[in-house]
Amino acid sequence: MEQEVNQRDIFFLSDTQAPMWVERLVLRTHQNTKATTTIFNEIVRLKPAVLYWLGDIVSLGYRSNKWRVIDQFLASCTAVGTAVYAIMGNHDVMGRPRKGAKNFQLRFPEHNPTGYVKITDAIAVVMLNSNFSILSVADLVKQQTWYEQTLKDLDEDPSVKVVIVTCHHAPYSNSKLVGSSKLVQQRFVPAYVRSQKGRLFITGHSHAFERYQFEGKTFLVIGGGGGLKQPLNVSPSRLPDLATNYKPLFHYLSVRREGEGLSLTSHCLKNDFSGFSVGYQFEIPAGETVTE
């Protein structure tokens, strides 16, 4: 049975970059580019009102030929009325950051490299740039000041019911390759924890589905858009992942507001590529308690 989308659902996707040859030396491939294309086709079929894309759109952003499939997908989204907003991952600016950022900006003209916010169905999605090394000191200060003030303003805005914070690099991850970002923990997590309406912090970078709860707040990693699967730390020292038994190769996320809370569904690609199934669902209520 084919899945259908509720018109109030908003979609999130991350890490759709095609595997690079150097990555293939250490990680197994699993028809990754076919998986990404299958996800793209499913999103176009479902026609969500909005798609938030959390970085690593392509493997090398400065190379124009890497964007061909992306351009076709964006044209299809426009044709079916799906708005697409994105933030840059490390691959999007790898090698030649200025050229990569320029190619990115051409595709996502509303993107702001020092942070921006979009609101859909009273859900404010705050989109941040965690490529700190390519930002000037002035831009780092600008983004941090904007971010902290924006969360305060959204808390005071009666038209906004829920806030979701996003960036590319995960503050918490058990990935053996990329791990947790200490800088995201230091710069972005504290204001999110303080935010009264902040319910969810979503990132990619780690090519896995991971769910954490710290200080009464939910953190989600959804790096399943097509990148090579990364090994996860399973030792006793690992972070307390609440989705230990859900590790699909490829997946995307749909989110729906329920009052001042959220209902989340991870849709995973079936092993035979014949379609998608509901892989993982949970609720984030208005309060601090999280339920299955």
Protein backbone atom coordinates (compact mmCIF):
# COMPACT_ATOMS: atom_id res chain seq x y z
CA MET A 1 0.00 0.00 0.00
CA GLU A 2 1.43 3.36 -1.00
CA GLN A 3 1.92 5.97 1.67
CA GLU A 4 0.13 9.27 1.41
CA VAL A 5 1.05 12.59 2.92
CA ASN A 6 -1.04 14.75 5.19
CA GLN A 7 -1.03 18.30 3.87
CA ARG A 8 0.17 19.49 7.28
CA ASP A 9 3.28 17.30 7.14
CA ILE A 10 6.64 18.92 6.56
CA PHE A 11 9.56 16.82 5.32
CA PHE A 12 13.21 16.72 6.34
CA LEU A 13 16.05 15.12 4.38
CA SER A 14 19.83 15.09 4.73
CA ASP A 15 23.05 13.73 3.24
CA THR A 16 22.05 13.00 -0.34
CA GLN A 17 25.61 13.28 -1.66
CA ALA A 18 26.81 10.55 -4.00
CA PRO A 19 29.68 8.43 -2.63
CA MET A 20 33.18 9.70 -3.37
CA TRP A 21 35.87 7.26 -4.53
CA VAL A 22 37.92 7.80 -1.38
CA GLU A 23 34.90 6.91 0.76
CA ARG A 24 34.41 3.70 -1.19
CA LEU A 25 37.83 2.57 -0.01
CA VAL A 26 36.63 2.27 3.59
CA LEU A 27 32.83 2.00 3.40
CA ARG A 28 30.54 -0.40 1.55
CA THR A 29 28.22 0.88 -1.16
CA HIS A 30 24.54 -0.09 -1.30
CA GLN A 31 23.23 1.35 -4.60
CA ASN A 32 23.43 4.73 -2.92
CA THR A 33 22.68 6.96 -5.88
CA LYS A 34 19.68 4.80 -6.79
CA ALA A 35 18.45 5.16 -3.22
CA THR A 36 18.69 8.94 -3.41
CA THR A 37 16.80 9.02 -6.70
CA THR A 38 14.11 6.79 -5.20
CA ILE A 39 13.72 9.16 -2.25
CA PHE A 40 13.50 12.13 -4.63
CA ASN A 41 10.79 10.42 -6.66
CA GLU A 42 8.81 9.60 -3.54
CA ILE A 43 8.93 13.19 -2.29
CA VAL A 44 7.75 14.49 -5.67
CA ARG A 45 4.94 11.91 -5.65
CA LEU A 46 3.79 12.91 -2.17
CA LYS A 47 3.96 16.67 -2.85
CA PRO A 48 4.60 17.96 0.69
CA ALA A 49 4.13 21.69 1.20
CA VAL A 50 7.75 22.09 2.20
CA LEU A 51 11.01 20.13 2.29
CA TYR A 52 13.86 21.11 4.59
CA TRP A 53 17.21 19.81 3.35
CA LEU A 54 19.91 19.65 6.01
CA GLY A 55 23.10 19.72 4.02
CA ASP A 56 25.52 17.56 2.06
CA ILE A 57 23.26 18.03 -0.93
CA VAL A 58 26.07 16.94 -3.27
CA SER A 59 29.53 15.39 -2.82
CA LEU A 60 31.50 18.39 -4.11
CA GLY A 61 29.53 21.61 -4.29
CA TYR A 62 32.04 23.50 -6.43
CA ARG A 63 31.67 21.07 -9.34
CA SER A 64 28.69 22.09 -11.45
CA ASN A 65 28.18 18.60 -12.89
CA LYS A 66 27.41 17.27 -9.39
CA TRP A 67 24.24 19.39 -9.34
CA ARG A 68 22.49 17.95 -12.42
CA VAL A 69 20.30 15.43 -10.59
CA ILE A 70 19.61 18.00 -7.88
CA ASP A 71 18.50 20.57 -10.44
CA GLN A 72 16.07 18.07 -11.96
CA PHE A 73 14.66 17.28 -8.53
CA LEU A 74 14.27 20.96 -7.62
CA ALA A 75 12.45 21.59 -10.91
CA SER A 76 10.10 18.71 -10.12
CA CYS A 77 9.45 20.10 -6.64
CA THR A 78 8.59 23.47 -8.13
CA ALA A 79 6.21 21.78 -10.59
CA VAL A 80 4.25 20.07 -7.79
CA GLY A 81 4.26 23.07 -5.45
CA THR A 82 6.79 21.87 -2.87
CA ALA A 83 8.94 24.65 -1.42
CA VAL A 84 12.52 23.60 -0.68
CA TYR A 85 14.77 25.27 1.89
CA ALA A 86 18.30 24.10 2.60
CA ILE A 87 21.44 24.60 4.65
CA MET A 88 25.01 23.78 3.64
CA GLY A 89 26.86 20.69 4.78
CA ASN A 90 30.61 20.14 4.69
CA HIS A 91 30.51 18.44 1.27
CA ASP A 92 28.69 21.42 -0.24
CA VAL A 93 31.68 23.65 0.51
CA MET A 94 34.46 21.04 0.36
CA GLY A 95 37.61 21.86 -1.63
CA ARG A 96 36.60 25.29 -2.90
CA PRO A 97 34.27 26.85 -0.30
CA ARG A 98 33.47 30.06 -2.21
CA LYS A 99 32.59 28.27 -5.44
CA GLY A 100 30.60 25.66 -3.54
CA ALA A 101 28.69 28.32 -1.61
CA LYS A 102 27.98 30.18 -4.86
CA ASN A 103 26.56 27.06 -6.55
CA PHE A 104 24.50 26.37 -3.44
CA GLN A 105 23.10 29.91 -3.30
CA LEU A 106 22.03 29.72 -6.95
CA ARG A 107 19.80 26.74 -6.11
CA PHE A 108 18.53 28.05 -2.77
CA PRO A 109 18.23 31.84 -3.13
CA GLU A 110 16.45 32.31 0.21
CA HIS A 111 19.32 30.67 2.06
CA ASN A 112 21.31 32.93 4.37
CA PRO A 113 24.79 31.67 5.35
CA THR A 114 24.45 33.21 8.82
CA GLY A 115 21.07 31.64 9.57
CA TYR A 116 17.45 32.04 8.55
CA VAL A 117 14.01 30.91 9.65
CA LYS A 118 10.92 29.64 7.82
CA ILE A 119 7.46 29.07 9.29
CA THR A 120 4.97 26.41 8.15
CA ASP A 121 1.75 25.58 10.03
CA ALA A 122 2.95 27.55 13.08
CA ILE A 123 6.21 25.53 13.13
CA ALA A 124 9.26 27.78 12.96
CA VAL A 125 12.30 26.00 11.51
CA VAL A 126 15.55 27.76 12.40
CA MET A 127 18.30 26.90 9.90
CA LEU A 128 21.91 27.41 10.97
CA ASN A 129 25.34 27.12 9.36
CA SER A 130 27.59 24.72 11.27
CA ASN A 131 30.48 25.01 8.77
CA PHE A 132 32.19 27.22 11.31
CA SER A 133 35.65 27.02 9.72
CA ILE A 134 34.55 28.85 6.57
CA LEU A 135 32.78 31.67 8.44
CA SER A 136 34.62 34.85 9.37
CA VAL A 137 34.73 35.94 13.00
CA ALA A 138 32.22 38.67 12.14
CA ASP A 139 29.86 36.15 10.55
CA LEU A 140 30.19 33.80 13.52
CA VAL A 141 29.21 36.61 15.85
CA LYS A 142 26.39 37.69 13.52
CA GLN A 143 24.94 34.19 13.37
CA GLN A 144 25.19 33.59 17.11
CA THR A 145 23.57 36.92 17.95
CA TRP A 146 20.81 36.38 15.39
CA TYR A 147 20.17 32.82 16.55
CA GLU A 148 19.82 33.61 20.23
CA GLN A 149 17.63 36.65 19.57
CA THR A 150 15.48 34.72 17.08
CA LEU A 151 14.70 31.99 19.60
CA LYS A 152 13.68 34.64 22.14
CA ASP A 153 11.48 36.38 19.55
CA LEU A 154 9.83 33.11 18.51
CA ASP A 155 9.07 32.29 22.15
CA GLU A 156 7.22 35.60 22.37
CA ASP A 157 5.41 35.27 19.02
CA PRO A 158 1.87 33.94 19.65
CA SER A 159 1.53 32.82 16.02
CA VAL A 160 4.38 30.32 16.47
CA LYS A 161 3.53 27.16 18.41
CA VAL A 162 6.64 25.01 17.95
CA VAL A 163 10.31 25.69 17.14
CA ILE A 164 12.65 23.23 15.39
CA VAL A 165 16.38 24.02 15.25
CA THR A 166 18.50 22.59 12.44
CA CYS A 167 22.11 22.56 11.30
CA HIS A 168 24.22 20.01 9.45
CA HIS A 169 26.69 18.72 12.04
CA ALA A 170 25.18 16.64 14.83
CA PRO A 171 25.80 17.80 18.40
CA TYR A 172 25.39 14.17 19.47
CA SER A 173 26.17 11.09 17.40
CA ASN A 174 27.64 7.62 17.84
CA SER A 175 29.13 7.66 14.34
CA LYS A 176 32.69 6.34 14.46
CA LEU A 177 33.60 8.54 11.48
CA VAL A 178 32.20 11.95 12.40
CA GLY A 179 31.04 11.66 16.02
CA SER A 180 29.59 14.53 18.02
CA SER A 181 30.28 18.18 17.23
CA LYS A 182 31.59 19.92 20.34
CA LEU A 183 31.22 23.30 18.64
CA VAL A 184 27.52 22.70 17.93
CA GLN A 185 27.11 21.61 21.54
CA GLN A 186 28.74 24.84 22.69
CA ARG A 187 27.19 27.30 20.24
CA PHE A 188 23.73 26.03 19.35
CA VAL A 189 22.53 23.62 22.04
CA PRO A 190 22.31 25.99 25.06
CA ALA A 191 19.87 28.43 23.43
CA TYR A 192 17.76 25.52 22.16
CA VAL A 193 17.61 24.04 25.66
CA ARG A 194 16.50 27.43 27.02
CA SER A 195 13.87 27.90 24.31
CA GLN A 196 10.35 27.47 25.66
CA LYS A 197 8.96 26.39 22.27
CA GLY A 198 12.01 24.47 21.09
CA ARG A 199 10.88 20.86 20.72
CA LEU A 200 13.33 19.33 18.27
CA PHE A 201 16.93 19.72 17.08
CA ILE A 202 17.49 17.92 13.74
CA THR A 203 20.80 17.37 11.97
CA GLY A 204 22.52 15.12 9.47
CA HIS A 205 26.27 14.52 8.91
CA SER A 206 26.17 11.15 10.64
CA HIS A 207 24.78 8.72 8.07
CA ALA A 208 22.33 7.05 10.41
CA PHE A 209 19.06 7.53 12.26
CA GLU A 210 19.76 8.44 15.88
CA ARG A 211 17.56 9.82 18.63
CA TYR A 212 18.70 11.36 21.89
CA GLN A 213 17.19 13.20 24.80
CA PHE A 214 19.28 15.54 26.90
CA GLU A 215 18.03 18.08 29.43
CA GLY A 216 14.45 17.23 28.50
CA LYS A 217 15.02 18.07 24.84
CA THR A 218 14.96 15.87 21.73
CA PHE A 219 17.88 15.60 19.29
CA LEU A 220 17.49 13.68 16.03
CA VAL A 221 20.02 12.64 13.38
CA ILE A 222 18.54 11.82 9.95
CA GLY A 223 21.55 11.38 7.65
CA GLY A 224 19.92 8.72 5.49
CA GLY A 225 19.49 10.48 2.15
CA GLY A 226 21.98 8.34 0.25
CA GLY A 227 25.44 8.75 1.73
CA LEU A 228 27.51 5.70 2.60
CA LYS A 229 26.50 4.00 5.84
CA GLN A 230 28.83 4.86 8.71
CA PRO A 231 29.73 2.44 11.51
CA LEU A 232 28.30 3.33 14.91
CA ASN A 233 29.91 3.01 18.31
CA VAL A 234 28.25 0.09 20.10
CA SER A 235 30.62 -0.02 23.07
CA PRO A 236 29.54 0.77 26.65
CA SER A 237 30.88 4.30 26.11
CA ARG A 238 28.28 5.08 23.42
CA LEU A 239 25.71 7.82 23.82
CA PRO A 240 22.22 6.71 24.95
CA ASP A 241 20.53 6.38 21.55
CA LEU A 242 16.77 5.87 22.02
CA ALA A 243 16.46 4.35 18.53
CA THR A 244 19.04 1.60 18.96
CA ASN A 245 16.99 -0.98 17.06
CA TYR A 246 16.12 1.28 14.11
CA LYS A 247 19.10 1.63 11.77
CA PRO A 248 17.84 1.72 8.16
CA LEU A 249 20.22 2.45 5.33
CA PHE A 250 18.06 5.14 3.70
CA HIS A 251 15.28 7.27 5.13
CA TYR A 252 13.59 10.67 5.32
CA LEU A 253 11.46 12.30 8.02
CA SER A 254 7.96 13.73 8.09
CA VAL A 255 6.83 15.99 10.94
CA ARG A 256 3.35 17.17 11.86
CA ARG A 257 2.34 19.67 14.53
CA GLU A 258 -0.09 18.42 17.17
CA GLY A 259 -1.06 21.51 19.16
CA GLU A 260 2.20 22.66 20.73
CA GLY A 261 3.82 19.26 20.22
CA LEU A 262 5.01 17.20 17.28
CA SER A 263 4.30 13.84 15.68
CA LEU A 264 7.30 12.36 13.84
CA THR A 265 7.61 9.54 11.34
CA SER A 266 10.78 8.15 9.79
CA HIS A 267 10.08 6.59 6.39
CA CYS A 268 12.63 3.95 5.40
CA LEU A 269 13.37 2.62 1.94
CA LYS A 270 12.60 -1.08 1.61
CA ASN A 271 15.57 -3.34 0.98
CA ASP A 272 14.31 -4.25 -2.49
CA PHE A 273 13.78 -0.54 -3.37
CA SER A 274 10.10 -1.27 -4.06
CA GLY A 275 8.85 1.54 -1.86
CA PHE A 276 8.89 2.94 1.65
CA SER A 277 7.57 1.76 4.97
CA VAL A 278 6.89 3.52 8.25
CA GLY A 279 10.01 2.61 10.16
CA TYR A 280 9.85 4.61 13.36
CA GLN A 281 7.30 6.91 14.98
CA PHE A 282 7.16 8.92 18.16
CA GLU A 283 5.51 11.97 19.69
CA ILE A 284 7.01 15.05 21.33
CA PRO A 285 4.25 16.60 23.45
CA ALA A 286 4.07 20.21 24.56
CA GLY A 287 5.62 19.30 27.91
CA GLU A 288 9.05 17.85 28.51
CA THR A 289 8.05 14.19 28.71
CA VAL A 290 8.68 12.24 25.51
CA THR A 291 6.46 9.24 24.69
CA GLU A 292 6.54 6.46 22.13
